[in-house]
Amino acid sequence: MTDSSSVPTVFVTGMPRSGTTLLMVMLDAHLNGTMPRGRVVQAMLDRWYKGVEDERHLEQFLSDLYESDYLNRPPRFDRTVLEQRLTEKLPLSFESLLRTINCYDAYLDDKTLTFWGEKTSALIWDWNRLKTIFNDPYLIILIRDGRAIMSSTLAMYSVNNEVDILGFQHHWADTYNKFCCEAGRLANDSRVKAIRYEDLISDPCGTLEELCRFVG
């Protein structure tokens, strides 16, 4: 497989409604970095973590890709163009595969690339595996006051009064507690950094400077 470069990969994770999209947009504003909306890592990790060896595997990979959240981005290039671009680089490791897709969509190349990454809530559960697949990965965990997340989530889902409030709160609280416990378990990992959503709002420049130092 093609060797991965030393360009840092930044994964942003957090509970839904905790500011992950906000941070993604902030990081994506960097001229030489990209944080695309599509959850390609999450959608493709389980089956394709070993990468693609040949054109047959690439065809299967693209079929999976275009049936996943990738289409919610939406991609700037159709499948034919992307397939041609990837075929030129075969074989591809999972990291090289995903970096090529994301950076090609962002009109970036390896010569100017400073960092790339993705955001999705589920990445915190895959961190131990991601560390073995990617060459220079970092994980940023966004933590927000649970009461604020609950308020925001209920406002989003209860517009049509179709939510069982008590049942939802019980399920959500259990998920939130598990997420916070996992964040605490990863606290001593040198490649993991937790930040507060409230700090990102009150001091965006200082918080982003801190994150930039963290990923180098």
Protein backbone atom coordinates (compact mmCIF):
# COMPACT_ATOMS: atom_id res chain seq x y z
CA MET A 1 0.00 0.00 0.00
CA THR A 2 1.07 3.58 -0.62
CA ASP A 3 2.79 5.04 2.43
CA SER A 4 0.90 7.77 4.25
CA SER A 5 2.48 11.20 4.57
CA SER A 6 3.13 12.91 7.89
CA VAL A 7 0.33 15.43 7.34
CA PRO A 8 -1.73 15.46 10.56
CA THR A 9 -5.23 14.02 10.50
CA VAL A 10 -7.63 15.84 12.83
CA PHE A 11 -10.73 14.04 14.04
CA VAL A 12 -13.41 16.13 15.77
CA THR A 13 -15.96 14.30 17.89
CA GLY A 14 -18.68 15.22 20.33
CA MET A 15 -22.29 14.58 21.25
CA PRO A 16 -24.80 15.87 18.68
CA ARG A 17 -25.60 19.56 19.27
CA SER A 18 -22.29 20.15 21.04
CA GLY A 19 -20.59 22.38 18.47
CA THR A 20 -18.75 19.86 16.30
CA THR A 21 -20.05 21.42 13.08
CA LEU A 22 -19.03 24.88 14.29
CA LEU A 23 -15.48 23.73 15.01
CA MET A 24 -15.35 21.84 11.71
CA VAL A 25 -16.28 25.02 9.80
CA MET A 26 -13.67 27.03 11.74
CA LEU A 27 -10.90 24.55 10.93
CA ASP A 28 -12.07 24.20 7.34
CA ALA A 29 -11.58 27.97 6.89
CA HIS A 30 -7.81 27.35 6.92
CA LEU A 31 -6.48 27.92 3.40
CA ASN A 32 -4.33 24.78 3.41
CA GLY A 33 -6.52 22.45 5.45
CA THR A 34 -9.81 20.70 4.86
CA MET A 35 -12.55 19.40 7.16
CA PRO A 36 -15.31 18.20 4.81
CA ARG A 37 -18.82 17.60 6.06
CA GLY A 38 -19.12 14.05 4.71
CA ARG A 39 -18.55 11.29 7.26
CA VAL A 40 -16.39 9.15 5.01
CA VAL A 41 -14.22 7.68 7.78
CA GLN A 42 -17.20 6.63 9.86
CA ALA A 43 -19.09 5.22 6.87
CA MET A 44 -16.18 3.30 5.34
CA LEU A 45 -13.94 2.32 8.27
CA ASP A 46 -15.36 -1.10 9.14
CA ARG A 47 -15.03 -2.63 5.70
CA TRP A 48 -12.18 -0.71 4.07
CA TYR A 49 -9.67 -0.02 6.87
CA LYS A 50 -7.05 -2.02 4.94
CA GLY A 51 -7.41 0.22 1.89
CA VAL A 52 -7.90 -0.83 -1.74
CA GLU A 53 -5.43 -2.94 -3.70
CA ASP A 54 -6.70 -2.84 -7.27
CA GLU A 55 -9.39 -1.49 -9.58
CA ARG A 56 -11.87 -4.19 -8.57
CA HIS A 57 -11.62 -3.25 -4.91
CA LEU A 58 -11.79 0.44 -5.80
CA GLU A 59 -15.02 -0.14 -7.72
CA GLN A 60 -16.52 -1.86 -4.67
CA PHE A 61 -15.28 0.91 -2.40
CA LEU A 62 -16.85 3.63 -4.57
CA SER A 63 -20.15 1.75 -4.67
CA ASP A 64 -20.18 1.76 -0.87
CA LEU A 65 -19.06 5.39 -0.76
CA TYR A 66 -21.81 6.69 -3.02
CA GLU A 67 -24.44 4.92 -0.95
CA SER A 68 -23.19 6.50 2.29
CA ASP A 69 -23.24 9.93 3.97
CA TYR A 70 -20.72 11.09 1.39
CA LEU A 71 -23.59 12.26 -0.81
CA ASN A 72 -24.74 14.66 1.93
CA ARG A 73 -21.66 16.78 1.31
CA PRO A 74 -22.34 16.86 -1.69
CA PRO A 75 -19.19 15.93 -3.63
CA ARG A 76 -17.87 18.46 -6.11
CA PHE A 77 -16.94 15.71 -8.56
CA ASP A 78 -18.96 12.88 -10.01
CA ARG A 79 -17.98 9.28 -9.49
CA THR A 80 -16.28 8.88 -12.86
CA VAL A 81 -13.89 11.75 -12.23
CA LEU A 82 -13.10 10.58 -8.70
CA GLU A 83 -12.55 7.00 -9.84
CA GLN A 84 -10.07 8.13 -12.47
CA ARG A 85 -8.18 10.21 -9.90
CA LEU A 86 -7.96 7.32 -7.43
CA THR A 87 -7.03 4.73 -10.05
CA GLU A 88 -3.91 6.71 -10.87
CA LYS A 89 -2.65 6.18 -7.30
CA LEU A 90 -3.45 2.50 -6.71
CA PRO A 91 -2.79 0.72 -4.45
CA LEU A 92 -3.98 3.03 -1.66
CA SER A 93 -3.94 2.69 2.11
CA PHE A 94 -7.14 3.75 3.90
CA GLU A 95 -5.51 7.01 4.99
CA SER A 96 -4.21 7.83 1.51
CA LEU A 97 -7.54 6.88 0.00
CA LEU A 98 -9.56 9.14 2.27
CA ARG A 99 -7.05 11.98 2.12
CA THR A 100 -7.11 11.92 -1.68
CA ILE A 101 -10.92 12.04 -1.76
CA ASN A 102 -11.23 14.83 0.79
CA CYS A 103 -8.42 16.97 -0.56
CA TYR A 104 -9.46 16.53 -4.18
CA ASP A 105 -12.92 17.77 -3.22
CA ALA A 106 -11.29 20.79 -1.55
CA TYR A 107 -8.94 21.50 -4.48
CA LEU A 108 -5.90 20.81 -2.30
CA ASP A 109 -2.81 18.74 -3.01
CA ASP A 110 -0.15 17.21 -0.80
CA LYS A 111 2.31 19.99 -1.64
CA THR A 112 0.20 22.64 0.10
CA LEU A 113 -1.70 20.50 2.60
CA THR A 114 -1.25 21.45 6.27
CA PHE A 115 -3.82 19.11 7.81
CA TRP A 116 -7.03 17.30 6.95
CA GLY A 117 -9.70 15.55 8.92
CA GLU A 118 -13.35 14.84 9.55
CA LYS A 119 -15.94 15.25 12.27
CA THR A 120 -18.50 12.79 13.52
CA SER A 121 -19.88 11.85 16.91
CA ALA A 122 -19.01 8.17 16.61
CA LEU A 123 -15.25 8.60 16.14
CA ILE A 124 -14.57 8.56 19.89
CA TRP A 125 -15.49 4.86 19.98
CA ASP A 126 -13.09 4.04 17.14
CA TRP A 127 -10.09 6.00 18.41
CA ASN A 128 -7.94 3.01 19.39
CA ARG A 129 -8.37 1.57 15.91
CA LEU A 130 -7.84 4.92 14.16
CA LYS A 131 -4.49 5.30 15.93
CA THR A 132 -3.25 2.12 14.27
CA ILE A 133 -4.50 3.06 10.79
CA PHE A 134 -3.50 6.72 10.44
CA ASN A 135 0.06 7.95 10.53
CA ASP A 136 -0.31 11.21 12.49
CA PRO A 137 -3.82 11.35 14.01
CA TYR A 138 -5.26 13.70 16.63
CA LEU A 139 -8.63 13.57 18.35
CA ILE A 140 -10.44 16.71 19.53
CA ILE A 141 -13.37 16.04 21.86
CA LEU A 142 -15.97 18.76 22.27
CA ILE A 143 -17.75 18.75 25.63
CA ARG A 144 -20.86 20.87 26.19
CA ASP A 145 -23.07 21.33 29.23
CA GLY A 146 -25.55 18.47 29.04
CA ARG A 147 -28.48 20.69 29.95
CA ALA A 148 -27.76 22.95 26.97
CA ILE A 149 -27.45 19.96 24.61
CA MET A 150 -30.72 18.52 25.88
CA SER A 151 -32.52 21.82 25.42
CA SER A 152 -31.18 22.23 21.89
CA THR A 153 -31.94 18.63 20.94
CA LEU A 154 -35.50 18.72 22.26
CA ALA A 155 -36.15 21.97 20.43
CA MET A 156 -34.98 20.32 17.22
CA TYR A 157 -36.91 17.05 17.56
CA SER A 158 -40.13 18.17 19.25
CA VAL A 159 -41.30 20.59 16.57
CA ASN A 160 -44.01 18.16 15.51
CA ASN A 161 -44.65 16.93 19.05
CA GLU A 162 -43.58 13.45 18.00
CA VAL A 163 -41.03 12.88 20.76
CA ASP A 164 -41.57 10.81 23.90
CA ILE A 165 -39.85 13.36 26.14
CA LEU A 166 -39.24 11.14 29.15
CA GLY A 167 -38.11 8.17 27.09
CA PHE A 168 -35.85 10.35 25.00
CA GLN A 169 -34.30 12.03 28.03
CA HIS A 170 -33.54 8.69 29.65
CA HIS A 171 -31.90 7.28 26.52
CA TRP A 172 -30.00 10.50 25.84
CA ALA A 173 -28.71 10.82 29.42
CA ASP A 174 -27.34 7.28 29.28
CA THR A 175 -25.54 8.02 26.00
CA TYR A 176 -24.20 11.32 27.31
CA ASN A 177 -22.81 9.66 30.45
CA LYS A 178 -21.10 6.95 28.40
CA PHE A 179 -19.59 9.57 26.09
CA CYS A 180 -18.24 11.61 29.03
CA CYS A 181 -16.81 8.48 30.65
CA GLU A 182 -15.00 7.60 27.41
CA ALA A 183 -13.68 11.16 27.14
CA GLY A 184 -12.37 10.86 30.69
CA ARG A 185 -10.75 7.52 29.90
CA LEU A 186 -8.86 9.11 27.00
CA ALA A 187 -7.75 12.15 29.02
CA ASN A 188 -4.16 10.93 29.40
CA ASP A 189 -3.69 10.16 25.71
CA SER A 190 -1.16 12.67 24.33
CA ARG A 191 -3.00 12.78 21.00
CA VAL A 192 -6.40 13.53 22.50
CA LYS A 193 -7.57 16.96 23.62
CA ALA A 194 -10.93 17.83 25.14
CA ILE A 195 -12.26 21.39 24.90
CA ARG A 196 -15.43 22.99 26.17
CA TYR A 197 -18.00 24.30 23.74
CA GLU A 198 -18.51 27.24 26.07
CA ASP A 199 -14.81 28.16 25.74
CA LEU A 200 -15.03 27.93 21.96
CA ILE A 201 -17.88 30.46 22.04
CA SER A 202 -16.47 32.84 24.64
CA ASP A 203 -12.84 32.73 23.45
CA PRO A 204 -12.73 31.37 19.89
CA CYS A 205 -9.31 32.81 19.04
CA GLY A 206 -7.64 31.54 22.19
CA THR A 207 -9.25 28.11 21.86
CA LEU A 208 -8.26 27.75 18.21
CA GLU A 209 -4.69 28.84 18.98
CA GLU A 210 -4.57 26.16 21.66
CA LEU A 211 -5.80 23.54 19.17
CA CYS A 212 -3.28 24.67 16.54
CA ARG A 213 -0.45 24.19 19.02
CA PHE A 214 -1.88 20.79 19.91
CA VAL A 215 -1.75 19.47 16.33
CA GLY A 216 1.46 21.31 15.49
